[in-house]
């Protein structure tokens, strides 16, 4: 009956034996399939995660229907920015892990919060985390949970940075706070050669700027860079940069048309960013192993793949994961999505390998399926259907334990 097919389309078919990752070895041939086309890629060494859970689908639809219109209609002025920052403080009332005791202090004159997890592996690693939020929202409180999970999975001391944002400071001020905190951490860390820098969205921009400026200033470079949907330029909406694009941009909540207006606040007249304004142009200064997460149809994906290509061509170790059916910077939502927890675990394993605390022979965990109810999306009538040889292991039936919200 018609309502049966409609319910199947809304809820998706339950496919517990589907493995949600594959590796692409080249271009995909056009062969009819009868379901949504496999993801096209520019960086062919990327690990592609095709399937996603029902929770992820609901979240993506909600973001598209609610949050994106709000971001499109909210005025960009000091009053609205201050309101957003005040709403961020409500996150301090959210759940916390009982096994972590955050400590507030300063690094290089910048407010930070450090934490270790009682049950994480033994490690001498330090992780410097830069939160996202477009340089005008979010902070230590909003991103405390992802820092707790990084501390748990890596065993590191994770330090979250409260860098200056709009309207108090420009992007140039954010960059200075980030590099100053990193330089101070180099002086105080147990092992300055085991410092990993991580960040999402705007924090990913600062992560790459730290890698660039550490080279320029002669500081020890980060042992690894972990980025989740990183912003790699201040004009990501432009399509005239000569960057390959294989997917139509349909970002779940980032409105492209607002970027020029926000950029006026990011870089007012007289503001000057040390080094390159766009990390995308600074690949020659970045030598640290880099981990990237991007979403199939998000606005920032083309530049993320371009950066992965540029670094890989220069011999830098790169691991890139492309996810379908997620929202921008979804690893931050680790309390809500199995995919978010998996992405953080992958990043943590990459960091531990980079500092020599996880032997290479243990293998990369990038072929683990996501636990949860998977959704197999049916192709839209106007979508091109293509096929590809899916590579991946047999379904893994091992029981896994995820770090639960306290």
Foldseek 3Di string as FASTA:
>chain_A
DVVVVVVCQLQFDFDQFDFFKFAADDAFFFDFDQFFAPFDDDQRRAIEGEWFFSLLQVVLQCQQVPQQVVVVPDDPDQVSLVVQAVVLVVLLPPFDDPQKDWDWDDFLNFIKIKIAGPQADADLAEEEEEEDDLLRHHACSLQVVLQHLLRRLQVHIYMYTGFHGPPVDALQRRLVSLLRNLVRCCVVGPHSARYEYEYEAQRLCSQLSNLLVCLVVVHRHHLEYEYFLYQQALQLLDPPPPFDDDDAADASRDDNVCSVVSSCSNDPPPRDHPDDRGSLVRLVSHQHEYEYEEERRHSSVRSVSSSQVSNVVVVHHYHYYYYYSHHGRVLSVVQRGLVNQVSSSQSSQVSCVSVPNHDCVVDRPSRAGRDHRIRRHGDDPPHRHTDDDGDGDGHDPDDDDTDHGD
